[in-house]
Amino acid sequence: MNLRALGWQAPLLALLSLSISGCTTTAARSSDAHDPLEPINRVAHQFNEDLDRALLRPVARGYHRIVPEPVQIGVSNVFFNAKYPVTMVNNALQGKFVPALSDLGRITLNTTLGLGGLFDPASSAGLERYDEDFGQTLGAWGVPNGIYVVVPFLGPYTLRDGIGSIVDDFGEPRSYLEDDSTRYGLWAGDKFDRRVRLLDADAVLDRTGDSYAFIRSAYLQRRAFLVSDGITAGDDLEAELEKELEEDPPQDP
């Protein structure tokens, strides 16, 4: 499996791999979380996990198995391109003006030559794909994480990233569609596409004992990774995950 091809998911998958490498390390990192709502969060986490195992994971695996890979990539590209104005604005808000200009070029190329984002000529042209959101912007401005919260149906957030997610939602074109069914359908489609792209993480997740502490640790590490722009040795993380998956490769969905 080529982690470079996973794009923004690679840091998350690599952090999942590192998190499961030892119970002591995971517990130590999890203890850094500001989690006063843990009893309530665990209930929400269990609900989300049961829903995923009963419905979302089987459907995602079926989609992954049946739909040709080029079509899956095209669908993912469309959703990513539609959300990319948020990345451009947040790069600018963080003072990263050169990446913001690159973002503008990426949006322009992929929306026009890429037929609305179905194809990705911007990457072929050498324009880097960034992953920025308002939660990262707040982090770059020095705003702390705040409490850790697990939201039913949506998953883990910190208070900072939850507020950031609400702000980002106003920057997505689908938020301005008048038809409610289309707007919510696109929102659900984006979440489902994300679930499909994370199928490779299931093999790692299934090997953990306390999945709540594990997810919490991995989430907080990933957010720290993104806020710091991957200063924490991303290549080493990817190499670690490659080794993890070679030793215990995921089953074909």
Protein backbone atom coordinates (compact mmCIF):
# COMPACT_ATOMS: atom_id res chain seq x y z
CA MET A 1 0.00 0.00 0.00
CA ASN A 2 1.36 3.41 -1.00
CA LEU A 3 0.79 5.86 1.85
CA ARG A 4 1.68 8.81 -0.35
CA ALA A 5 -1.41 8.00 -2.41
CA LEU A 6 -3.57 8.34 0.70
CA GLY A 7 -2.83 12.06 0.87
CA TRP A 8 -4.10 13.72 4.03
CA GLN A 9 -5.05 10.38 5.64
CA ALA A 10 -1.45 9.17 5.94
CA PRO A 11 -0.69 11.10 9.15
CA LEU A 12 -3.88 9.77 10.76
CA LEU A 13 -3.17 6.16 9.80
CA ALA A 14 0.43 6.47 10.89
CA LEU A 15 -0.59 7.93 14.22
CA LEU A 16 -3.05 5.09 14.69
CA SER A 17 -0.20 2.68 14.12
CA LEU A 18 2.05 4.40 16.63
CA SER A 19 -0.75 4.65 19.18
CA ILE A 20 -1.31 0.91 19.22
CA SER A 21 2.38 0.07 19.49
CA GLY A 22 2.25 0.02 23.29
CA CYS A 23 -0.43 0.28 25.96
CA THR A 24 1.82 2.29 28.29
CA THR A 25 2.62 4.89 25.65
CA THR A 26 -1.00 5.20 24.63
CA ALA A 27 -2.18 5.59 28.20
CA ALA A 28 0.43 8.25 28.89
CA ARG A 29 -0.53 10.27 25.85
CA SER A 30 -4.25 9.86 26.55
CA SER A 31 -3.77 11.23 30.06
CA ASP A 32 -2.79 14.56 28.48
CA ALA A 33 -6.36 15.01 27.23
CA HIS A 34 -8.65 17.45 29.03
CA ASP A 35 -11.54 15.03 29.23
CA PRO A 36 -13.88 15.88 32.13
CA LEU A 37 -16.82 14.46 30.15
CA GLU A 38 -15.27 11.01 29.79
CA PRO A 39 -18.27 9.03 31.18
CA ILE A 40 -20.64 10.74 28.75
CA ASN A 41 -18.08 10.60 25.94
CA ARG A 42 -17.70 6.85 26.38
CA VAL A 43 -21.43 6.37 25.88
CA ALA A 44 -21.35 8.43 22.69
CA HIS A 45 -18.23 6.59 21.54
CA GLN A 46 -19.87 3.19 22.06
CA PHE A 47 -22.93 4.35 20.13
CA ASN A 48 -20.76 5.50 17.23
CA GLU A 49 -18.75 2.28 17.28
CA ASP A 50 -21.86 0.09 17.27
CA LEU A 51 -23.34 2.11 14.40
CA ASP A 52 -20.12 1.83 12.43
CA ARG A 53 -19.81 -1.94 12.88
CA ALA A 54 -23.49 -2.59 12.15
CA LEU A 55 -23.98 -0.26 9.19
CA LEU A 56 -21.26 2.11 8.05
CA ARG A 57 -18.33 -0.29 7.81
CA PRO A 58 -20.22 -3.03 5.88
CA VAL A 59 -21.67 -0.49 3.46
CA ALA A 60 -18.28 1.18 2.97
CA ARG A 61 -16.66 -2.21 2.31
CA GLY A 62 -19.37 -3.09 -0.21
CA TYR A 63 -18.87 0.22 -2.00
CA HIS A 64 -15.10 -0.27 -2.00
CA ARG A 65 -15.46 -3.76 -3.42
CA ILE A 66 -18.05 -3.04 -6.11
CA VAL A 67 -17.28 0.45 -7.38
CA PRO A 68 -14.24 0.69 -9.71
CA GLU A 69 -11.26 2.42 -8.15
CA PRO A 70 -11.10 5.26 -10.75
CA VAL A 71 -14.72 6.12 -9.91
CA GLN A 72 -13.97 6.12 -6.18
CA ILE A 73 -10.98 8.41 -6.74
CA GLY A 74 -13.10 10.74 -8.89
CA VAL A 75 -15.81 10.97 -6.22
CA SER A 76 -13.21 11.71 -3.55
CA ASN A 77 -11.65 14.37 -5.78
CA VAL A 78 -15.01 16.12 -6.24
CA PHE A 79 -15.68 16.29 -2.51
CA PHE A 80 -12.14 17.43 -1.77
CA ASN A 81 -12.27 20.14 -4.43
CA ALA A 82 -15.60 21.44 -3.12
CA LYS A 83 -14.10 21.86 0.35
CA TYR A 84 -10.84 23.36 -0.86
CA PRO A 85 -11.89 27.04 -0.61
CA VAL A 86 -11.88 26.44 3.16
CA THR A 87 -8.26 25.32 2.94
CA MET A 88 -7.32 28.39 0.90
CA VAL A 89 -8.94 30.81 3.36
CA ASN A 90 -7.33 29.12 6.37
CA ASN A 91 -3.91 29.14 4.77
CA ALA A 92 -4.35 32.89 4.29
CA LEU A 93 -5.60 33.39 7.86
CA GLN A 94 -2.44 31.66 9.11
CA GLY A 95 -0.26 33.98 7.04
CA LYS A 96 0.67 31.25 4.57
CA PHE A 97 0.13 33.38 1.49
CA VAL A 98 2.22 31.34 -0.95
CA PRO A 99 0.27 28.14 -0.15
CA ALA A 100 -2.96 30.19 -0.39
CA LEU A 101 -2.02 31.29 -3.92
CA SER A 102 -1.20 27.67 -4.73
CA ASP A 103 -4.63 26.73 -3.38
CA LEU A 104 -6.24 29.24 -5.72
CA GLY A 105 -4.39 27.70 -8.66
CA ARG A 106 -5.44 24.21 -7.56
CA ILE A 107 -9.11 25.19 -7.29
CA THR A 108 -9.03 26.90 -10.68
CA LEU A 109 -7.34 24.03 -12.50
CA ASN A 110 -9.37 21.25 -10.95
CA THR A 111 -12.69 23.04 -11.33
CA THR A 112 -12.10 23.87 -15.01
CA LEU A 113 -9.76 21.33 -16.62
CA GLY A 114 -10.64 18.78 -13.95
CA LEU A 115 -14.37 18.98 -14.76
CA GLY A 116 -15.56 20.23 -11.41
CA GLY A 117 -12.88 18.39 -9.48
CA LEU A 118 -13.53 14.94 -10.93
CA PHE A 119 -9.91 14.87 -12.08
CA ASP A 120 -6.81 16.33 -10.43
CA PRO A 121 -4.67 18.11 -13.04
CA ALA A 122 -3.39 20.45 -10.32
CA SER A 123 -1.32 17.67 -8.75
CA SER A 124 0.11 16.79 -12.15
CA ALA A 125 1.05 20.46 -12.51
CA GLY A 126 3.00 20.27 -9.26
CA LEU A 127 0.56 22.17 -7.04
CA GLU A 128 0.70 20.71 -3.55
CA ARG A 129 -2.50 19.56 -1.82
CA TYR A 130 -2.85 21.12 1.64
CA ASP A 131 -5.18 20.27 4.50
CA GLU A 132 -6.12 23.29 6.60
CA ASP A 133 -9.20 24.11 8.65
CA PHE A 134 -10.26 26.77 11.12
CA GLY A 135 -9.47 24.54 14.08
CA GLN A 136 -5.86 24.47 12.86
CA THR A 137 -5.97 28.23 12.36
CA LEU A 138 -7.12 28.74 15.96
CA GLY A 139 -4.34 26.40 17.08
CA ALA A 140 -1.79 28.39 15.09
CA TRP A 141 -3.08 31.54 16.81
CA GLY A 142 -2.42 29.93 20.19
CA VAL A 143 -5.95 28.88 21.13
CA PRO A 144 -5.77 25.72 23.31
CA ASN A 145 -7.69 22.52 22.55
CA GLY A 146 -10.26 22.88 25.29
CA ILE A 147 -12.24 19.89 26.49
CA TYR A 148 -12.45 16.67 24.47
CA VAL A 149 -15.96 15.77 23.29
CA VAL A 150 -17.36 12.78 21.37
CA VAL A 151 -20.42 13.76 19.32
CA PRO A 152 -22.95 11.06 18.38
CA PHE A 153 -22.82 10.29 14.63
CA LEU A 154 -19.88 12.70 14.11
CA GLY A 155 -17.08 11.41 16.33
CA PRO A 156 -14.33 13.13 18.37
CA TYR A 157 -13.65 16.83 18.63
CA THR A 158 -11.99 19.25 20.95
CA LEU A 159 -13.90 22.40 21.85
CA ARG A 160 -11.55 24.39 19.63
CA ASP A 161 -11.92 22.07 16.65
CA GLY A 162 -15.67 21.78 17.09
CA ILE A 163 -16.02 25.56 16.85
CA GLY A 164 -13.64 25.52 13.90
CA SER A 165 -15.75 22.89 12.15
CA ILE A 166 -18.87 25.05 12.47
CA VAL A 167 -17.03 28.04 11.01
CA ASP A 168 -15.63 25.96 8.14
CA ASP A 169 -19.10 24.71 7.29
CA PHE A 170 -20.09 28.25 6.28
CA GLY A 171 -17.20 28.26 3.80
CA GLU A 172 -18.35 25.21 1.86
CA PRO A 173 -20.40 25.83 -1.30
CA ARG A 174 -23.00 23.20 -0.38
CA SER A 175 -24.01 25.28 2.64
CA TYR A 176 -25.53 27.83 0.27
CA LEU A 177 -27.71 25.43 -1.72
CA GLU A 178 -31.39 26.19 -1.23
CA ASP A 179 -32.58 22.60 -1.54
CA ASP A 180 -32.28 20.93 1.86
CA SER A 181 -32.24 17.38 0.54
CA THR A 182 -29.37 18.17 -1.83
CA ARG A 183 -27.43 20.01 0.85
CA TYR A 184 -27.77 17.25 3.44
CA GLY A 185 -27.20 14.58 0.81
CA LEU A 186 -23.87 16.13 -0.14
CA TRP A 187 -22.93 16.41 3.52
CA ALA A 188 -23.71 12.71 4.08
CA GLY A 189 -21.89 11.75 0.88
CA ASP A 190 -18.78 13.58 2.03
CA LYS A 191 -18.83 11.80 5.41
CA PHE A 192 -19.35 8.43 3.73
CA ASP A 193 -16.50 9.04 1.28
CA ARG A 194 -14.25 9.81 4.24
CA ARG A 195 -15.29 6.55 5.91
CA VAL A 196 -14.41 4.59 2.75
CA ARG A 197 -10.96 6.20 2.60
CA LEU A 198 -10.28 5.15 6.18
CA LEU A 199 -11.06 1.46 5.69
CA ASP A 200 -7.36 0.61 5.95
CA ALA A 201 -7.40 1.91 9.52
CA ASP A 202 -9.87 -0.81 10.60
CA ALA A 203 -7.15 -3.46 10.86
CA VAL A 204 -5.29 -1.28 13.33
CA LEU A 205 -8.36 -0.19 15.28
CA ASP A 206 -9.61 -3.75 15.73
CA ARG A 207 -6.46 -4.70 17.63
CA THR A 208 -6.85 -2.21 20.43
CA GLY A 209 -8.21 -3.01 23.88
CA ASP A 210 -9.68 0.29 25.07
CA SER A 211 -10.86 1.77 21.80
CA TYR A 212 -12.03 4.98 23.49
CA ALA A 213 -8.62 5.87 24.93
CA PHE A 214 -6.99 4.73 21.70
CA ILE A 215 -9.16 6.96 19.48
CA ARG A 216 -8.75 9.89 21.85
CA SER A 217 -4.97 9.59 21.81
CA ALA A 218 -4.80 9.18 18.03
CA TYR A 219 -7.17 12.10 17.43
CA LEU A 220 -5.24 14.49 19.66
CA GLN A 221 -1.92 13.43 18.13
CA ARG A 222 -3.26 13.92 14.63
CA ARG A 223 -4.58 17.39 15.43
CA ALA A 224 -1.22 18.34 16.96
CA PHE A 225 0.46 16.99 13.82
CA LEU A 226 -1.76 19.15 11.59
CA VAL A 227 -1.43 22.32 13.68
CA SER A 228 2.37 21.96 13.62
CA ASP A 229 2.30 21.35 9.85
CA GLY A 230 3.72 17.86 10.29
CA ILE A 231 6.91 18.93 12.03
CA THR A 232 6.75 15.63 13.94
CA ALA A 233 8.61 13.50 11.41
CA GLY A 234 5.83 12.52 9.03
CA ASP A 235 8.08 10.27 6.97
CA ASP A 236 8.96 8.21 10.05
CA LEU A 237 5.28 7.87 10.88
CA GLU A 238 4.51 6.59 7.41
CA ALA A 239 7.38 4.10 7.54
CA GLU A 240 6.07 2.81 10.88
CA LEU A 241 2.60 2.28 9.44
CA GLU A 242 3.97 0.54 6.36
CA LYS A 243 5.72 -1.94 8.68
CA GLU A 244 2.58 -2.37 10.82
CA LEU A 245 0.38 -3.18 7.83
CA GLU A 246 2.96 -5.50 6.27
CA GLU A 247 2.99 -7.55 9.47
CA ASP A 248 -0.82 -7.63 9.68
CA PRO A 249 -2.33 -6.53 6.35
CA PRO A 250 -6.01 -5.55 6.30
CA GLN A 251 -8.44 -8.03 4.82
CA ASP A 252 -9.82 -7.17 1.42
CA PRO A 253 -13.02 -5.23 2.22
